[in-house]
Amino acid sequence: AKDDLYAQQILSKITAYLGDKGLKGLINNAAIQI
């Protein structure tokens, strides 16, 4: 959410798995409870 370079590194891993395929679902489940 706050580090563009780190975000790009993680997104590169995701898109490498996806290739040119679509993503049927994105489930934003992660959360913290302080």
PDB file of all heavy atoms in Angstrom:
ATOM      1  N   ALA A   1       0.805  -1.216   0.000  1.00  0.00           N
ATOM      2  CA  ALA A   1       0.000   0.000   0.000  1.00  0.00           C
ATOM      3  C   ALA A   1       0.840   1.270   0.000  1.00  0.00           C
ATOM      4  O   ALA A   1       0.378   2.309  -0.463  1.00  0.00           O
ATOM      5  CB  ALA A   1      -0.938   0.003   1.205  1.00  0.00           C
ATOM      6  N   LYS A   2       2.077   1.199   0.503  1.00  0.00           N
ATOM      7  CA  LYS A   2       2.831   2.455   0.669  1.00  0.00           C
ATOM      8  C   LYS A   2       4.186   2.478  -0.019  1.00  0.00           C
ATOM      9  O   LYS A   2       4.828   3.529  -0.064  1.00  0.00           O
ATOM     10  CB  LYS A   2       3.024   2.740   2.158  1.00  0.00           C
ATOM     11  CG  LYS A   2       3.891   1.730   2.905  1.00  0.00           C
ATOM     12  CD  LYS A   2       3.999   2.111   4.378  1.00  0.00           C
ATOM     13  CE  LYS A   2       4.882   1.135   5.136  1.00  0.00           C
ATOM     14  NZ  LYS A   2       5.027   1.523   6.558  1.00  0.00           N
ATOM     15  N   ASP A   3       4.632   1.353  -0.582  1.00  0.00           N
ATOM     16  CA  ASP A   3       5.965   1.273  -1.180  1.00  0.00           C
ATOM     17  C   ASP A   3       5.820   0.842  -2.640  1.00  0.00           C
ATOM     18  O   ASP A   3       5.577  -0.337  -2.928  1.00  0.00           O
ATOM     19  CB  ASP A   3       6.808   0.269  -0.380  1.00  0.00           C
ATOM     20  CG  ASP A   3       8.252   0.179  -0.858  1.00  0.00           C
ATOM     21  OD1 ASP A   3       8.514   0.445  -2.041  1.00  0.00           O
ATOM     22  OD2 ASP A   3       9.122  -0.207  -0.043  1.00  0.00           O
ATOM     23  N   ASP A   4       5.978   1.780  -3.563  1.00  0.00           N
ATOM     24  CA  ASP A   4       5.757   1.489  -4.980  1.00  0.00           C
ATOM     25  C   ASP A   4       6.687   0.406  -5.502  1.00  0.00           C
ATOM     26  O   ASP A   4       6.258  -0.478  -6.255  1.00  0.00           O
ATOM     27  CB  ASP A   4       5.941   2.760  -5.816  1.00  0.00           C
ATOM     28  CG  ASP A   4       4.771   3.719  -5.674  1.00  0.00           C
ATOM     29  OD1 ASP A   4       3.696   3.278  -5.243  1.00  0.00           O
ATOM     30  OD2 ASP A   4       4.948   4.915  -5.983  1.00  0.00           O
ATOM     31  N   LEU A   5       7.955   0.466  -5.137  1.00  0.00           N
ATOM     32  CA  LEU A   5       8.923  -0.509  -5.636  1.00  0.00           C
ATOM     33  C   LEU A   5       8.591  -1.912  -5.132  1.00  0.00           C
ATOM     34  O   LEU A   5       8.587  -2.876  -5.905  1.00  0.00           O
ATOM     35  CB  LEU A   5      10.338  -0.115  -5.216  1.00  0.00           C
ATOM     36  CG  LEU A   5      11.469  -1.058  -5.672  1.00  0.00           C
ATOM     37  CD1 LEU A   5      11.481  -1.185  -7.201  1.00  0.00           C
ATOM     38  CD2 LEU A   5      12.824  -0.574  -5.154  1.00  0.00           C
ATOM     39  N   TYR A   6       8.299  -2.022  -3.848  1.00  0.00           N
ATOM     40  CA  TYR A   6       7.932  -3.322  -3.275  1.00  0.00           C
ATOM     41  C   TYR A   6       6.653  -3.841  -3.927  1.00  0.00           C
ATOM     42  O   TYR A   6       6.552  -5.026  -4.274  1.00  0.00           O
ATOM     43  CB  TYR A   6       7.734  -3.182  -1.765  1.00  0.00           C
ATOM     44  CG  TYR A   6       7.331  -4.467  -1.073  1.00  0.00           C
ATOM     45  CD1 TYR A   6       8.278  -5.437  -0.754  1.00  0.00           C
ATOM     46  CD2 TYR A   6       5.996  -4.719  -0.735  1.00  0.00           C
ATOM     47  CE1 TYR A   6       7.914  -6.615  -0.111  1.00  0.00           C
ATOM     48  CE2 TYR A   6       5.626  -5.888  -0.099  1.00  0.00           C
ATOM     49  CZ  TYR A   6       6.592  -6.832   0.211  1.00  0.00           C
ATOM     50  OH  TYR A   6       6.222  -7.999   0.836  1.00  0.00           O
ATOM     51  N   ALA A   7       5.672  -2.955  -4.123  1.00  0.00           N
ATOM     52  CA  ALA A   7       4.420  -3.360  -4.753  1.00  0.00           C
ATOM     53  C   ALA A   7       4.664  -3.913  -6.145  1.00  0.00           C
ATOM     54  O   ALA A   7       4.086  -4.946  -6.532  1.00  0.00           O
ATOM     55  CB  ALA A   7       3.450  -2.181  -4.814  1.00  0.00           C
ATOM     56  N   GLN A   8       5.533  -3.266  -6.911  1.00  0.00           N
ATOM     57  CA  GLN A   8       5.833  -3.735  -8.260  1.00  0.00           C
ATOM     58  C   GLN A   8       6.498  -5.115  -8.241  1.00  0.00           C
ATOM     59  O   GLN A   8       6.234  -5.958  -9.103  1.00  0.00           O
ATOM     60  CB  GLN A   8       6.725  -2.730  -8.987  1.00  0.00           C
ATOM     61  CG  GLN A   8       6.002  -1.481  -9.455  1.00  0.00           C
ATOM     62  CD  GLN A   8       4.832  -1.824 -10.383  1.00  0.00           C
ATOM     63  OE1 GLN A   8       4.942  -2.668 -11.272  1.00  0.00           O
ATOM     64  NE2 GLN A   8       3.702  -1.160 -10.164  1.00  0.00           N
ATOM     65  N   GLN A   9       7.347  -5.347  -7.252  1.00  0.00           N
ATOM     66  CA  GLN A   9       8.001  -6.654  -7.138  1.00  0.00           C
ATOM     67  C   GLN A   9       6.979  -7.764  -6.891  1.00  0.00           C
ATOM     68  O   GLN A   9       7.048  -8.838  -7.508  1.00  0.00           O
ATOM     69  CB  GLN A   9       9.033  -6.619  -6.003  1.00  0.00           C
ATOM     70  CG  GLN A   9      10.234  -5.737  -6.289  1.00  0.00           C
ATOM     71  CD  GLN A   9      11.110  -5.541  -5.067  1.00  0.00           C
ATOM     72  OE1 GLN A   9      10.743  -5.890  -3.935  1.00  0.00           O
ATOM     73  NE2 GLN A   9      12.290  -4.968  -5.266  1.00  0.00           N
ATOM     74  N   ILE A  10       6.041  -7.508  -6.003  1.00  0.00           N
ATOM     75  CA  ILE A  10       5.022  -8.516  -5.701  1.00  0.00           C
ATOM     76  C   ILE A  10       4.073  -8.684  -6.877  1.00  0.00           C
ATOM     77  O   ILE A  10       3.719  -9.811  -7.257  1.00  0.00           O
ATOM     78  CB  ILE A  10       4.236  -8.123  -4.425  1.00  0.00           C
ATOM     79  CG1 ILE A  10       5.178  -8.015  -3.219  1.00  0.00           C
ATOM     80  CG2 ILE A  10       3.126  -9.141  -4.161  1.00  0.00           C
ATOM     81  CD1 ILE A  10       5.979  -9.269  -2.917  1.00  0.00           C
ATOM     82  N   LEU A  11       3.665  -7.587  -7.487  1.00  0.00           N
ATOM     83  CA  LEU A  11       2.752  -7.668  -8.628  1.00  0.00           C
ATOM     84  C   LEU A  11       3.401  -8.357  -9.813  1.00  0.00           C
ATOM     85  O   LEU A  11       2.718  -9.054 -10.577  1.00  0.00           O
ATOM     86  CB  LEU A  11       2.266  -6.270  -9.009  1.00  0.00           C
ATOM     87  CG  LEU A  11       1.284  -5.662  -8.003  1.00  0.00           C
ATOM     88  CD1 LEU A  11       1.156  -4.164  -8.219  1.00  0.00           C
ATOM     89  CD2 LEU A  11      -0.082  -6.344  -8.112  1.00  0.00           C
ATOM     90  N   SER A  12       4.708  -8.223  -9.966  1.00  0.00           N
ATOM     91  CA  SER A  12       5.413  -8.926 -11.040  1.00  0.00           C
ATOM     92  C   SER A  12       5.324 -10.440 -10.848  1.00  0.00           C
ATOM     93  O   SER A  12       5.183 -11.191 -11.818  1.00  0.00           O
ATOM     94  CB  SER A  12       6.877  -8.490 -11.091  1.00  0.00           C
ATOM     95  OG  SER A  12       6.981  -7.148 -11.498  1.00  0.00           O
ATOM     96  N   LYS A  13       5.390 -10.874  -9.599  1.00  0.00           N
ATOM     97  CA  LYS A  13       5.241 -12.304  -9.318  1.00  0.00           C
ATOM     98  C   LYS A  13       3.828 -12.773  -9.662  1.00  0.00           C
ATOM     99  O   LYS A  13       3.645 -13.849 -10.255  1.00  0.00           O
ATOM    100  CB  LYS A  13       5.545 -12.589  -7.844  1.00  0.00           C
ATOM    101  CG  LYS A  13       6.990 -12.357  -7.435  1.00  0.00           C
ATOM    102  CD  LYS A  13       7.197 -12.657  -5.955  1.00  0.00           C
ATOM    103  CE  LYS A  13       8.638 -12.398  -5.540  1.00  0.00           C
ATOM    104  NZ  LYS A  13       8.863 -12.674  -4.092  1.00  0.00           N
ATOM    105  N   ILE A  14       2.833 -11.979  -9.285  1.00  0.00           N
ATOM    106  CA  ILE A  14       1.444 -12.350  -9.568  1.00  0.00           C
ATOM    107  C   ILE A  14       1.211 -12.437 -11.073  1.00  0.00           C
ATOM    108  O   ILE A  14       0.651 -13.420 -11.579  1.00  0.00           O
ATOM    109  CB  ILE A  14       0.474 -11.330  -8.936  1.00  0.00           C
ATOM    110  CG1 ILE A  14       0.577 -11.355  -7.411  1.00  0.00           C
ATOM    111  CG2 ILE A  14      -0.969 -11.619  -9.380  1.00  0.00           C
ATOM    112  CD1 ILE A  14      -0.185 -10.230  -6.727  1.00  0.00           C
ATOM    113  N   THR A  15       1.623 -11.415 -11.791  1.00  0.00           N
ATOM    114  CA  THR A  15       1.362 -11.384 -13.235  1.00  0.00           C
ATOM    115  C   THR A  15       2.185 -12.438 -13.974  1.00  0.00           C
ATOM    116  O   THR A  15       1.772 -12.898 -15.041  1.00  0.00           O
ATOM    117  CB  THR A  15       1.635  -9.988 -13.814  1.00  0.00           C
ATOM    118  OG1 THR A  15       2.969  -9.568 -13.469  1.00  0.00           O
ATOM    119  CG2 THR A  15       0.643  -8.983 -13.258  1.00  0.00           C
ATOM    120  N   ALA A  16       3.323 -12.839 -13.406  1.00  0.00           N
ATOM    121  CA  ALA A  16       4.092 -13.924 -14.021  1.00  0.00           C
ATOM    122  C   ALA A  16       3.305 -15.229 -13.962  1.00  0.00           C
ATOM    123  O   ALA A  16       3.336 -16.026 -14.909  1.00  0.00           O
ATOM    124  CB  ALA A  16       5.433 -14.087 -13.307  1.00  0.00           C
ATOM    125  N   TYR A  17       2.585 -15.450 -12.875  1.00  0.00           N
ATOM    126  CA  TYR A  17       1.739 -16.645 -12.780  1.00  0.00           C
ATOM    127  C   TYR A  17       0.542 -16.542 -13.724  1.00  0.00           C
ATOM    128  O   TYR A  17       0.146 -17.520 -14.361  1.00  0.00           O
ATOM    129  CB  TYR A  17       1.233 -16.833 -11.347  1.00  0.00           C
ATOM    130  CG  TYR A  17       2.303 -17.187 -10.338  1.00  0.00           C
ATOM    131  CD1 TYR A  17       2.312 -16.604  -9.074  1.00  0.00           C
ATOM    132  CD2 TYR A  17       3.302 -18.115 -10.632  1.00  0.00           C
ATOM    133  CE1 TYR A  17       3.285 -16.932  -8.133  1.00  0.00           C
ATOM    134  CE2 TYR A  17       4.275 -18.440  -9.698  1.00  0.00           C
ATOM    135  CZ  TYR A  17       4.259 -17.843  -8.452  1.00  0.00           C
ATOM    136  OH  TYR A  17       5.227 -18.161  -7.529  1.00  0.00           O
ATOM    137  N   LEU A  18      -0.035 -15.349 -13.815  1.00  0.00           N
ATOM    138  CA  LEU A  18      -1.229 -15.164 -14.654  1.00  0.00           C
ATOM    139  C   LEU A  18      -0.894 -15.219 -16.145  1.00  0.00           C
ATOM    140  O   LEU A  18      -1.706 -15.709 -16.944  1.00  0.00           O
ATOM    141  CB  LEU A  18      -1.879 -13.815 -14.342  1.00  0.00           C
ATOM    142  CG  LEU A  18      -2.541 -13.655 -12.973  1.00  0.00           C
ATOM    143  CD1 LEU A  18      -2.986 -12.213 -12.766  1.00  0.00           C
ATOM    144  CD2 LEU A  18      -3.728 -14.598 -12.824  1.00  0.00           C
ATOM    145  N   GLY A  19       0.286 -14.729 -16.520  1.00  0.00           N
ATOM    146  CA  GLY A  19       0.613 -14.648 -17.937  1.00  0.00           C
ATOM    147  C   GLY A  19      -0.405 -13.768 -18.646  1.00  0.00           C
ATOM    148  O   GLY A  19      -0.714 -12.664 -18.191  1.00  0.00           O
ATOM    149  N   ASP A  20      -0.927 -14.268 -19.762  1.00  0.00           N
ATOM    150  CA  ASP A  20      -1.954 -13.498 -20.485  1.00  0.00           C
ATOM    151  C   ASP A  20      -3.360 -13.948 -20.121  1.00  0.00           C
ATOM    152  O   ASP A  20      -4.333 -13.608 -20.790  1.00  0.00           O
ATOM    153  CB  ASP A  20      -1.741 -13.615 -21.994  1.00  0.00           C
ATOM    154  CG  ASP A  20      -1.828 -15.068 -22.484  1.00  0.00           C
ATOM    155  OD1 ASP A  20      -1.958 -15.986 -21.638  1.00  0.00           O
ATOM    156  OD2 ASP A  20      -1.761 -15.282 -23.705  1.00  0.00           O
ATOM    157  N   LYS A  21      -3.473 -14.742 -19.053  1.00  0.00           N
ATOM    158  CA  LYS A  21      -4.778 -15.259 -18.631  1.00  0.00           C
ATOM    159  C   LYS A  21      -5.498 -14.231 -17.768  1.00  0.00           C
ATOM    160  O   LYS A  21      -4.911 -13.364 -17.132  1.00  0.00           O
ATOM    161  CB  LYS A  21      -4.608 -16.561 -17.845  1.00  0.00           C
ATOM    162  CG  LYS A  21      -3.895 -17.670 -18.613  1.00  0.00           C
ATOM    163  CD  LYS A  21      -4.728 -18.122 -19.802  1.00  0.00           C
ATOM    164  CE  LYS A  21      -4.131 -19.367 -20.450  1.00  0.00           C
ATOM    165  NZ  LYS A  21      -2.775 -19.147 -21.003  1.00  0.00           N
ATOM    166  N   GLY A  22      -6.782 -14.361 -17.707  1.00  0.00           N
ATOM    167  CA  GLY A  22      -7.579 -13.473 -16.880  1.00  0.00           C
ATOM    168  C   GLY A  22      -7.605 -13.933 -15.431  1.00  0.00           C
ATOM    169  O   GLY A  22      -7.195 -15.050 -15.091  1.00  0.00           O
ATOM    170  N   LEU A  23      -8.078 -13.037 -14.579  1.00  0.00           N
ATOM    171  CA  LEU A  23      -8.225 -13.327 -13.157  1.00  0.00           C
ATOM    172  C   LEU A  23      -9.722 -13.346 -12.849  1.00  0.00           C
ATOM    173  O   LEU A  23     -10.395 -12.318 -12.921  1.00  0.00           O
ATOM    174  CB  LEU A  23      -7.517 -12.247 -12.337  1.00  0.00           C
ATOM    175  CG  LEU A  23      -7.569 -12.383 -10.810  1.00  0.00           C
ATOM    176  CD1 LEU A  23      -6.892 -13.667 -10.347  1.00  0.00           C
ATOM    177  CD2 LEU A  23      -6.908 -11.159 -10.152  1.00  0.00           C
ATOM    178  N   LYS A  24     -10.235 -14.516 -12.526  1.00  0.00           N
ATOM    179  CA  LYS A  24     -11.673 -14.666 -12.289  1.00  0.00           C
ATOM    180  C   LYS A  24     -12.106 -14.032 -10.970  1.00  0.00           C
ATOM    181  O   LYS A  24     -13.218 -13.503 -10.856  1.00  0.00           O
ATOM    182  CB  LYS A  24     -12.051 -16.150 -12.306  1.00  0.00           C
ATOM    183  CG  LYS A  24     -13.543 -16.424 -12.182  1.00  0.00           C
ATOM    184  CD  LYS A  24     -14.312 -15.902 -13.383  1.00  0.00           C
ATOM    185  CE  LYS A  24     -15.789 -16.258 -13.311  1.00  0.00           C
ATOM    186  NZ  LYS A  24     -16.551 -15.672 -14.433  1.00  0.00           N
ATOM    187  N   GLY A  25     -11.244 -14.103  -9.969  1.00  0.00           N
ATOM    188  CA  GLY A  25     -11.623 -13.548  -8.673  1.00  0.00           C
ATOM    189  C   GLY A  25     -10.438 -12.968  -7.926  1.00  0.00           C
ATOM    190  O   GLY A  25      -9.358 -13.566  -7.910  1.00  0.00           O
ATOM    191  N   LEU A  26     -10.639 -11.812  -7.331  1.00  0.00           N
ATOM    192  CA  LEU A  26      -9.685 -11.221  -6.392  1.00  0.00           C
ATOM    193  C   LEU A  26     -10.402 -11.108  -5.062  1.00  0.00           C
ATOM    194  O   LEU A  26     -11.375 -10.352  -4.936  1.00  0.00           O
ATOM    195  CB  LEU A  26      -9.223  -9.845  -6.876  1.00  0.00           C
ATOM    196  CG  LEU A  26      -8.467  -8.976  -5.851  1.00  0.00           C
ATOM    197  CD1 LEU A  26      -7.211  -9.679  -5.343  1.00  0.00           C
ATOM    198  CD2 LEU A  26      -8.128  -7.605  -6.447  1.00  0.00           C
ATOM    199  N   ILE A  27      -9.963 -11.874  -4.081  1.00  0.00           N
ATOM    200  CA  ILE A  27     -10.611 -11.877  -2.769  1.00  0.00           C
ATOM    201  C   ILE A  27      -9.702 -11.159  -1.783  1.00  0.00           C
ATOM    202  O   ILE A  27      -8.667 -11.684  -1.373  1.00  0.00           O
ATOM    203  CB  ILE A  27     -10.932 -13.307  -2.300  1.00  0.00           C
ATOM    204  CG1 ILE A  27     -11.798 -14.021  -3.339  1.00  0.00           C
ATOM    205  CG2 ILE A  27     -11.642 -13.263  -0.951  1.00  0.00           C
ATOM    206  CD1 ILE A  27     -12.167 -15.449  -2.975  1.00  0.00           C
ATOM    207  N   ASN A  28     -10.095  -9.944  -1.425  1.00  0.00           N
ATOM    208  CA  ASN A  28      -9.338  -9.139  -0.465  1.00  0.00           C
ATOM    209  C   ASN A  28      -9.779  -9.526   0.941  1.00  0.00           C
ATOM    210  O   ASN A  28     -10.701  -8.933   1.506  1.00  0.00           O
ATOM    211  CB  ASN A  28      -9.578  -7.650  -0.742  1.00  0.00           C
ATOM    212  CG  ASN A  28      -8.952  -7.204  -2.041  1.00  0.00           C
ATOM    213  OD1 ASN A  28      -7.767  -7.416  -2.274  1.00  0.00           O
ATOM    214  ND2 ASN A  28      -9.750  -6.584  -2.902  1.00  0.00           N
ATOM    215  N   ASN A  29      -9.104 -10.529   1.467  1.00  0.00           N
ATOM    216  CA  ASN A  29      -9.484 -11.101   2.752  1.00  0.00           C
ATOM    217  C   ASN A  29      -8.576 -10.649   3.896  1.00  0.00           C
ATOM    218  O   ASN A  29      -9.002 -10.590   5.040  1.00  0.00           O
ATOM    219  CB  ASN A  29      -9.458 -12.635   2.642  1.00  0.00           C
ATOM    220  CG  ASN A  29      -9.533 -13.332   3.978  1.00  0.00           C
ATOM    221  OD1 ASN A  29     -10.536 -13.226   4.690  1.00  0.00           O
ATOM    222  ND2 ASN A  29      -8.460 -14.027   4.353  1.00  0.00           N
ATOM    223  N   ALA A  30      -7.328 -10.335   3.602  1.00  0.00           N
ATOM    224  CA  ALA A  30      -6.360 -10.003   4.650  1.00  0.00           C
ATOM    225  C   ALA A  30      -6.791  -8.770   5.436  1.00  0.00           C
ATOM    226  O   ALA A  30      -7.296  -7.801   4.870  1.00  0.00           O
ATOM    227  CB  ALA A  30      -4.983  -9.776   4.042  1.00  0.00           C
ATOM    228  N   ALA A  31      -6.570  -8.817   6.746  1.00  0.00           N
ATOM    229  CA  ALA A  31      -6.897  -7.672   7.598  1.00  0.00           C
ATOM    230  C   ALA A  31      -6.140  -7.799   8.911  1.00  0.00           C
ATOM    231  O   ALA A  31      -5.759  -8.897   9.327  1.00  0.00           O
ATOM    232  CB  ALA A  31      -8.394  -7.596   7.866  1.00  0.00           C
ATOM    233  N   ILE A  32      -5.908  -6.656   9.525  1.00  0.00           N
ATOM    234  CA  ILE A  32      -5.372  -6.661  10.887  1.00  0.00           C
ATOM    235  C   ILE A  32      -6.392  -5.991  11.792  1.00  0.00           C
ATOM    236  O   ILE A  32      -7.174  -5.143  11.356  1.00  0.00           O
ATOM    237  CB  ILE A  32      -4.004  -5.969  10.994  1.00  0.00           C
ATOM    238  CG1 ILE A  32      -4.080  -4.497  10.551  1.00  0.00           C
ATOM    239  CG2 ILE A  32      -2.961  -6.714  10.179  1.00  0.00           C
ATOM    240  CD1 ILE A  32      -2.809  -3.730  10.833  1.00  0.00           C
ATOM    241  N   GLN A  33      -6.376  -6.391  13.053  1.00  0.00           N
ATOM    242  CA  GLN A  33      -7.344  -5.888  14.023  1.00  0.00           C
ATOM    243  C   GLN A  33      -6.576  -5.396  15.242  1.00  0.00           C
ATOM    244  O   GLN A  33      -6.158  -6.188  16.085  1.00  0.00           O
ATOM    245  CB  GLN A  33      -8.321  -6.997  14.403  1.00  0.00           C
ATOM    246  CG  GLN A  33      -9.526  -6.544  15.203  1.00  0.00           C
ATOM    247  CD  GLN A  33     -10.460  -7.709  15.494  1.00  0.00           C
ATOM    248  OE1 GLN A  33     -10.245  -8.448  16.458  1.00  0.00           O
ATOM    249  NE2 GLN A  33     -11.488  -7.879  14.680  1.00  0.00           N
ATOM    250  N   ILE A  34      -6.357  -4.098  15.297  1.00  0.00           N
ATOM    251  CA  ILE A  34      -5.660  -3.486  16.428  1.00  0.00           C
ATOM    252  C   ILE A  34      -6.712  -2.889  17.352  1.00  0.00           C
ATOM    253  O   ILE A  34      -7.436  -1.966  16.973  1.00  0.00           O
ATOM    254  CB  ILE A  34      -4.669  -2.398  15.955  1.00  0.00           C
ATOM    255  CG1 ILE A  34      -3.593  -3.021  15.053  1.00  0.00           C
ATOM    256  CG2 ILE A  34      -4.028  -1.706  17.150  1.00  0.00           C
ATOM    257  CD1 ILE A  34      -2.653  -2.027  14.430  1.00  0.00           C
TER     258      ILE A  34
END
